[in-house]
Every structure is written in C-alpha cells, then in structure tokens.
Protein backbone atom coordinates (compact mmCIF):
# COMPACT_ATOMS: atom_id res chain seq x y z
CA ILE A 1 -0.38 -4.57 -8.58
CA LYS A 2 3.17 -5.73 -9.12
CA TRP A 3 4.62 -7.11 -5.89
CA SER A 4 8.37 -7.27 -5.30
CA GLU A 5 9.99 -10.39 -3.94
CA ASN A 6 10.77 -8.45 -0.74
CA ALA A 7 7.09 -7.52 -0.30
CA ARG A 8 6.03 -11.14 -0.75
CA GLU A 9 8.60 -12.23 1.83
CA MET A 10 7.62 -9.46 4.28
CA ILE A 11 3.95 -10.40 4.10
CA GLY A 12 4.76 -14.11 3.88
CA VAL A 13 2.51 -14.98 0.98
CA PRO A 14 3.75 -16.86 -2.12
CA GLY A 15 3.81 -14.79 -5.30
CA GLU A 16 1.02 -16.70 -7.02
CA LYS A 17 -1.31 -15.95 -4.09
CA MET A 18 -0.67 -12.19 -4.01
CA PRO A 19 -3.60 -10.15 -5.37
CA GLU A 20 -3.16 -8.41 -8.71
CA ASP A 21 -6.15 -6.10 -8.35
CA LEU A 22 -5.63 -2.88 -6.39
CA ARG A 23 -9.01 -3.32 -4.66
CA ASP A 24 -7.58 -6.43 -2.96
CA GLY A 25 -4.12 -5.00 -2.30
CA ASN A 26 -4.71 -4.06 1.34
CA PHE A 27 -5.55 -7.59 2.44
CA PHE A 28 -2.78 -7.59 5.06
CA VAL A 29 -3.70 -4.25 6.69
CA VAL A 30 -5.24 -4.47 10.18
CA PRO A 31 -8.98 -3.71 9.65
CA GLU A 32 -8.98 -0.83 12.15
CA ASP A 33 -6.24 0.96 10.16
CA LEU A 34 -7.79 0.53 6.71
CA PRO A 35 -10.29 3.45 6.91
CA VAL A 36 -7.53 5.85 8.00
CA LEU A 37 -5.16 4.55 5.32
CA ASN A 38 -7.79 4.99 2.61
CA ALA A 39 -8.82 8.45 3.87
CA GLU A 40 -5.20 9.65 3.85
CA LEU A 41 -4.73 8.39 0.29
CA GLN A 42 -7.91 10.14 -0.86
CA LYS A 43 -6.80 13.35 0.85
CA ALA A 44 -3.41 13.17 -0.93
CA LEU A 45 -5.12 12.58 -4.28
CA ARG A 46 -7.58 15.47 -3.79
CA ARG A 47 -4.89 17.99 -2.93
CA GLY A 48 -2.78 16.94 -5.94
CA ALA A 49 0.10 15.58 -3.86
CA SER A 50 2.96 13.82 -5.59
CA THR A 51 3.81 11.65 -2.58
CA TYR A 52 1.84 9.70 -0.03
CA PRO A 53 3.57 8.56 3.18
CA CYS A 54 1.70 6.45 5.71
CA GLU A 55 2.33 4.22 8.70
CA PHE A 56 -0.04 1.36 9.45
CA ARG A 57 -0.36 -1.97 11.18
CA GLY A 58 -0.60 -5.15 9.19
CA ARG A 59 -0.44 -8.89 9.68
CA ASN A 60 1.92 -11.26 7.96
CA ALA A 61 0.89 -14.75 6.87
CA ALA A 62 1.80 -16.12 10.33
CA GLY A 63 -0.72 -13.70 11.88
CA GLU A 64 1.93 -11.54 13.56
CA GLU A 65 0.98 -7.88 13.78
CA ARG A 66 3.69 -5.58 12.44
CA VAL A 67 4.03 -1.83 11.93
CA TRP A 68 4.85 -0.84 8.36
CA LEU A 69 5.84 2.45 6.80
CA ALA A 70 4.86 3.00 3.18
CA GLN A 71 6.07 5.78 0.92
CA SER A 72 4.34 6.15 -2.43
CA THR A 73 4.88 8.39 -5.42
CA ILE A 74 1.75 9.46 -7.27
CA ILE A 75 2.28 9.77 -11.02
CA ARG A 76 -0.18 11.80 -13.04
CA ASP A 77 -0.75 12.11 -16.78
CA GLU A 78 -0.76 15.36 -18.77
CA SER A 79 -4.31 16.17 -17.67
CA GLY A 80 -3.52 15.62 -13.98
CA ASP A 81 -5.28 12.29 -13.62
CA VAL A 82 -3.52 9.60 -11.59
CA SER A 83 -1.95 7.09 -13.96
CA ARG A 84 0.08 5.09 -11.47
CA ILE A 85 1.12 4.87 -7.85
CA ILE A 86 4.53 3.39 -7.08
CA GLY A 87 5.59 2.67 -3.56
CA VAL A 88 7.82 0.91 -1.09
CA THR A 89 6.92 -0.50 2.30
CA GLN A 90 9.25 -1.08 5.23
CA ASP A 91 8.75 -3.20 8.32
CA VAL A 92 9.51 -0.80 11.16
C-alpha cells in the first residue's frame, strides 16, 4: 500500500507506522464495518466492476470515530485479473 500524506494525516498515524501490506490496510476501520466492507469489495471484484465506492466508519489515532467515503478504481490486466486498486478516501 502506498499512503498519501493526506491519508496519514486523516488517520493520524506517522508514515513509518502505516502498514505496507494490504492485509493490514484496514486497521483503522471500525470492526463492525469490516465484514461489510470486505463483502462489498469481493462482490465488486466478482462482477468485474471497474469501480468500488464504499462508506464506512473508522477511528483516527486519537480514537475518534469518523465516517469516511472511499472511491476506488479497480485495474485489471489483459486476462482480467486485478493488478491494482487505486483509491481515495474522504472524511465526511
């Protein structure tokens, strides 16, 4: 994962402490929202979608619960396999 400076500031975690592995990338998502977030991503991948919008609750480093809106673009290779997911997240 490549985190922008804005994402690090929004979450409130210094850059060197942000996870690089996608499996750890949802560390700030409220646990109750994580299954829904993952299910929606899997549904988008199965149907071959090129975008993946989602709204979820997360906590910043101070422990404040926030609502975030993420919009991702799913990039696929020539054979249709996902090669990358690029996204932006807003604090709403």
